[in-house]
Protein backbone atom coordinates (compact mmCIF):
# COMPACT_ATOMS: atom_id res chain seq x y z
CA MET A 1 6.40 47.71 33.67
CA GLY A 2 4.94 47.93 30.19
CA SER A 3 2.14 46.21 28.52
CA ILE A 4 2.55 42.66 27.35
CA THR A 5 1.08 41.78 23.60
CA ALA A 6 -0.96 38.47 23.13
CA GLU A 7 1.56 37.28 21.06
CA GLU A 8 3.98 37.52 23.96
CA ILE A 9 1.19 35.58 26.22
CA VAL A 10 1.05 32.82 23.75
CA ALA A 11 4.79 32.50 23.79
CA LEU A 12 4.91 32.36 27.42
CA PHE A 13 2.25 29.44 27.24
CA GLU A 14 4.18 27.67 24.52
CA LYS A 15 7.05 27.59 26.55
CA ASP A 16 5.34 26.52 30.14
CA ALA A 17 3.87 23.20 29.90
CA LYS A 18 2.25 23.32 33.27
CA ALA A 19 0.90 26.54 32.66
CA ARG A 20 -0.88 25.78 29.75
CA LYS A 21 -2.50 22.63 31.87
CA ARG A 22 -3.76 25.37 34.41
CA LEU A 23 -4.99 27.30 31.99
CA ALA A 24 -6.99 24.69 30.36
CA GLU A 25 -8.33 23.34 33.48
CA LEU A 26 -9.41 26.99 34.58
CA LEU A 27 -11.14 27.25 30.94
CA ILE A 28 -12.61 23.74 31.24
CA ALA A 29 -14.22 24.46 34.72
CA GLU A 30 -16.40 27.07 33.07
CA PRO A 31 -19.74 25.20 32.08
CA ASP A 32 -19.91 27.32 28.55
CA VAL A 33 -16.37 27.03 27.86
CA ARG A 34 -16.92 23.27 28.51
CA LEU A 35 -19.95 22.86 26.19
CA ALA A 36 -18.17 24.99 23.68
CA VAL A 37 -15.37 22.36 23.96
CA ILE A 38 -17.48 19.35 23.84
CA ASN A 39 -19.45 20.77 20.69
CA ALA A 40 -16.00 21.35 18.84
CA VAL A 41 -14.89 18.01 19.57
CA LEU A 42 -18.05 16.23 18.44
CA ARG A 43 -18.02 17.78 15.10
CA ASP A 44 -14.79 15.89 14.78
CA VAL A 45 -15.94 12.47 16.00
CA ALA A 46 -16.83 9.75 13.64
CA THR A 47 -20.46 8.59 14.26
CA LYS A 48 -21.47 4.89 13.89
CA GLU A 49 -22.91 5.71 10.54
CA ASP A 50 -19.65 7.40 9.19
CA ILE A 51 -18.05 3.98 9.97
CA ARG A 52 -20.52 1.97 8.48
CA GLU A 53 -20.44 4.01 5.18
CA LEU A 54 -16.47 4.03 5.34
CA ARG A 55 -16.55 0.09 5.55
CA SER A 56 -19.13 0.12 2.64
CA GLU A 57 -16.72 2.30 0.18
CA LEU A 58 -13.71 0.51 1.22
CA ARG A 59 -15.54 -3.18 0.57
CA ALA A 60 -16.73 -1.83 -3.12
CA GLU A 61 -13.07 -0.54 -3.71
CA ILE A 62 -11.88 -4.06 -2.43
CA ALA A 63 -14.16 -5.92 -4.64
CA GLU A 64 -13.34 -3.53 -7.71
CA VAL A 65 -9.21 -4.48 -7.38
CA ARG A 66 -10.16 -8.04 -7.01
CA GLY A 67 -12.00 -7.69 -10.06
CA ARG A 68 -8.95 -6.10 -11.77
CA LEU A 69 -6.55 -8.60 -9.91
CA TRP A 70 -8.35 -11.71 -11.62
CA TRP A 71 -8.58 -9.93 -15.31
CA ILE A 72 -4.61 -9.25 -14.95
CA VAL A 73 -4.18 -12.74 -13.82
CA GLY A 74 -6.18 -13.77 -16.97
CA LEU A 75 -3.98 -11.69 -19.36
CA ILE A 76 -0.84 -13.07 -17.84
CA LEU A 77 -2.22 -16.74 -17.99
CA ALA A 78 -3.32 -16.28 -21.77
CA SER A 79 0.17 -14.31 -22.65
CA TRP A 80 1.97 -17.45 -20.93
CA THR A 81 -0.07 -20.10 -22.44
CA SER A 82 0.38 -18.39 -25.79
CA THR A 83 4.42 -18.18 -25.35
CA ILE A 84 4.48 -21.78 -24.13
CA LEU A 85 2.21 -23.17 -27.03
CA THR A 86 4.44 -20.98 -29.92
CA ILE A 87 7.40 -22.61 -28.40
CA LEU A 88 5.97 -26.09 -28.39
CA PHE A 89 4.77 -25.93 -31.77
CA LYS A 90 8.13 -24.50 -33.19
CA ALA A 91 10.02 -27.17 -31.49
CA GLY A 92 7.64 -30.04 -32.94
CA PRO A 93 8.97 -33.13 -34.44
């Protein structure tokens, strides 16, 4: 039997979910591998401080949007008022 390549091994694991699970179990059983996996995962986990920062940024963005919204509403009201007054004065007695 010939030698098998790494690519072929990967392809075999892609096809066999049960084998992938068993390999993962074997790897995680090794303390060094488990620690490496935990450290890798922890780099991607959001901390409470990350969430606080995000919340603060979102509040600032919301406040900015509200400010712009009020400005737009003001412009619409001013335009509407100007139009109505023009119509009323042209339709005068």
